[in-house]
Amino acid sequence: MTHHPFDGSVTVITGAGSGIGRATALLAAQR
């Protein structure tokens, strides 16, 4: 993963995407 301290928006978007991916995986595993 690449980190750009000068661009917080990219970090936020990437973090949100990872969170959604993990949540989807957890929901799929529970079904």
PDB file of N, CA and C in Angstrom:
ATOM      1  N   MET A   1       0.845  -1.202   0.000  1.00  0.00           N
ATOM      2  CA  MET A   1       0.000   0.000   0.000  1.00  0.00           C
ATOM      3  C   MET A   1       0.879   1.251   0.000  1.00  0.00           C
ATOM      4  N   THR A   2       0.500   2.245  -0.752  1.00  0.00           N
ATOM      5  CA  THR A   2       1.260   3.481  -0.798  1.00  0.00           C
ATOM      6  C   THR A   2       0.554   4.536   0.030  1.00  0.00           C
ATOM      7  N   HIS A   3       1.337   5.276   0.813  1.00  0.00           N
ATOM      8  CA  HIS A   3       0.744   6.304   1.670  1.00  0.00           C
ATOM      9  C   HIS A   3       1.182   7.682   1.188  1.00  0.00           C
ATOM     10  N   HIS A   4       0.224   8.585   1.017  1.00  0.00           N
ATOM     11  CA  HIS A   4       0.527   9.946   0.590  1.00  0.00           C
ATOM     12  C   HIS A   4       0.105  10.915   1.687  1.00  0.00           C
ATOM     13  N   PRO A   5       1.020  11.270   2.589  1.00  0.00           N
ATOM     14  CA  PRO A   5       0.697  12.165   3.709  1.00  0.00           C
ATOM     15  C   PRO A   5       0.129  13.503   3.247  1.00  0.00           C
ATOM     16  N   PHE A   6       0.502  13.937   2.031  1.00  0.00           N
ATOM     17  CA  PHE A   6       0.056  15.240   1.541  1.00  0.00           C
ATOM     18  C   PHE A   6      -1.348  15.186   0.955  1.00  0.00           C
ATOM     19  N   ASP A   7      -1.872  13.971   0.762  1.00  0.00           N
ATOM     20  CA  ASP A   7      -3.214  13.856   0.180  1.00  0.00           C
ATOM     21  C   ASP A   7      -4.088  13.009   1.096  1.00  0.00           C
ATOM     22  N   GLY A   8      -4.745  13.644   2.041  1.00  0.00           N
ATOM     23  CA  GLY A   8      -5.570  12.914   3.007  1.00  0.00           C
ATOM     24  C   GLY A   8      -6.821  12.321   2.380  1.00  0.00           C
ATOM     25  N   SER A   9      -7.344  12.974   1.330  1.00  0.00           N
ATOM     26  CA  SER A   9      -8.581  12.492   0.704  1.00  0.00           C
ATOM     27  C   SER A   9      -8.390  11.094   0.142  1.00  0.00           C
ATOM     28  N   VAL A  10      -7.235  10.829  -0.463  1.00  0.00           N
ATOM     29  CA  VAL A  10      -6.968   9.509  -1.035  1.00  0.00           C
ATOM     30  C   VAL A  10      -6.943   8.471   0.075  1.00  0.00           C
ATOM     31  N   THR A  11      -6.322   8.814   1.207  1.00  0.00           N
ATOM     32  CA  THR A  11      -6.246   7.890   2.334  1.00  0.00           C
ATOM     33  C   THR A  11      -7.640   7.578   2.859  1.00  0.00           C
ATOM     34  N   VAL A  12      -8.483   8.599   2.956  1.00  0.00           N
ATOM     35  CA  VAL A  12      -9.844   8.417   3.459  1.00  0.00           C
ATOM     36  C   VAL A  12     -10.640   7.517   2.523  1.00  0.00           C
ATOM     37  N   ILE A  13     -10.549   7.786   1.220  1.00  0.00           N
ATOM     38  CA  ILE A  13     -11.294   6.988   0.237  1.00  0.00           C
ATOM     39  C   ILE A  13     -10.814   5.541   0.269  1.00  0.00           C
ATOM     40  N   THR A  14      -9.494   5.345   0.330  1.00  0.00           N
ATOM     41  CA  THR A  14      -8.939   3.990   0.369  1.00  0.00           C
ATOM     42  C   THR A  14      -9.385   3.283   1.641  1.00  0.00           C
ATOM     43  N   GLY A  15      -9.356   4.000   2.768  1.00  0.00           N
ATOM     44  CA  GLY A  15      -9.777   3.410   4.039  1.00  0.00           C
ATOM     45  C   GLY A  15     -11.240   3.021   4.007  1.00  0.00           C
ATOM     46  N   ALA A  16     -12.077   3.887   3.443  1.00  0.00           N
ATOM     47  CA  ALA A  16     -13.505   3.584   3.354  1.00  0.00           C
ATOM     48  C   ALA A  16     -13.732   2.366   2.471  1.00  0.00           C
ATOM     49  N   GLY A  17     -13.006   2.287   1.364  1.00  0.00           N
ATOM     50  CA  GLY A  17     -13.146   1.151   0.457  1.00  0.00           C
ATOM     51  C   GLY A  17     -12.770  -0.145   1.148  1.00  0.00           C
ATOM     52  N   SER A  18     -11.683  -0.098   1.935  1.00  0.00           N
ATOM     53  CA  SER A  18     -11.257  -1.300   2.654  1.00  0.00           C
ATOM     54  C   SER A  18     -12.305  -1.694   3.683  1.00  0.00           C
ATOM     55  N   GLY A  19     -12.863  -0.711   4.381  1.00  0.00           N
ATOM     56  CA  GLY A  19     -13.884  -0.986   5.394  1.00  0.00           C
ATOM     57  C   GLY A  19     -15.116  -1.629   4.776  1.00  0.00           C
ATOM     58  N   ILE A  20     -15.554  -1.102   3.635  1.00  0.00           N
ATOM     59  CA  ILE A  20     -16.731  -1.663   2.959  1.00  0.00           C
ATOM     60  C   ILE A  20     -16.441  -3.085   2.508  1.00  0.00           C
ATOM     61  N   GLY A  21     -15.241  -3.308   1.991  1.00  0.00           N
ATOM     62  CA  GLY A  21     -14.865  -4.645   1.526  1.00  0.00           C
ATOM     63  C   GLY A  21     -14.888  -5.645   2.665  1.00  0.00           C
ATOM     64  N   ARG A  22     -14.344  -5.242   3.816  1.00  0.00           N
ATOM     65  CA  ARG A  22     -14.310  -6.146   4.972  1.00  0.00           C
ATOM     66  C   ARG A  22     -15.720  -6.403   5.480  1.00  0.00           C
ATOM     67  N   ALA A  23     -16.540  -5.374   5.523  1.00  0.00           N
ATOM     68  CA  ALA A  23     -17.918  -5.530   5.995  1.00  0.00           C
ATOM     69  C   ALA A  23     -18.684  -6.483   5.082  1.00  0.00           C
ATOM     70  N   THR A  24     -18.489  -6.337   3.776  1.00  0.00           N
ATOM     71  CA  THR A  24     -19.164  -7.214   2.815  1.00  0.00           C
ATOM     72  C   THR A  24     -18.710  -8.652   3.012  1.00  0.00           C
ATOM     73  N   ALA A  25     -17.408  -8.843   3.228  1.00  0.00           N
ATOM     74  CA  ALA A  25     -16.871 -10.191   3.429  1.00  0.00           C
ATOM     75  C   ALA A  25     -17.455 -10.809   4.696  1.00  0.00           C
ATOM     76  N   LEU A  26     -17.572 -10.009   5.755  1.00  0.00           N
ATOM     77  CA  LEU A  26     -18.126 -10.514   7.014  1.00  0.00           C
ATOM     78  C   LEU A  26     -19.588 -10.905   6.833  1.00  0.00           C
ATOM     79  N   LEU A  27     -20.347 -10.068   6.130  1.00  0.00           N
ATOM     80  CA  LEU A  27     -21.764 -10.374   5.901  1.00  0.00           C
ATOM     81  C   LEU A  27     -21.902 -11.646   5.074  1.00  0.00           C
ATOM     82  N   ALA A  28     -21.054 -11.802   4.065  1.00  0.00           N
ATOM     83  CA  ALA A  28     -21.111 -12.990   3.210  1.00  0.00           C
ATOM     84  C   ALA A  28     -20.763 -14.238   4.021  1.00  0.00           C
ATOM     85  N   ALA A  29     -19.815 -14.103   4.944  1.00  0.00           N
ATOM     86  CA  ALA A  29     -19.396 -15.253   5.751  1.00  0.00           C
ATOM     87  C   ALA A  29     -20.497 -15.657   6.729  1.00  0.00           C
ATOM     88  N   GLN A  30     -21.268 -14.670   7.200  1.00  0.00           N
ATOM     89  CA  GLN A  30     -22.319 -14.966   8.172  1.00  0.00           C
ATOM     90  C   GLN A  30     -23.543 -15.602   7.521  1.00  0.00           C
ATOM     91  N   ARG A  31     -23.719 -15.395   6.212  1.00  0.00           N
ATOM     92  CA  ARG A  31     -24.919 -15.924   5.544  1.00  0.00           C
ATOM     93  C   ARG A  31     -24.828 -17.422   5.387  1.00  0.00           C
TER      94      ARG A  31
END
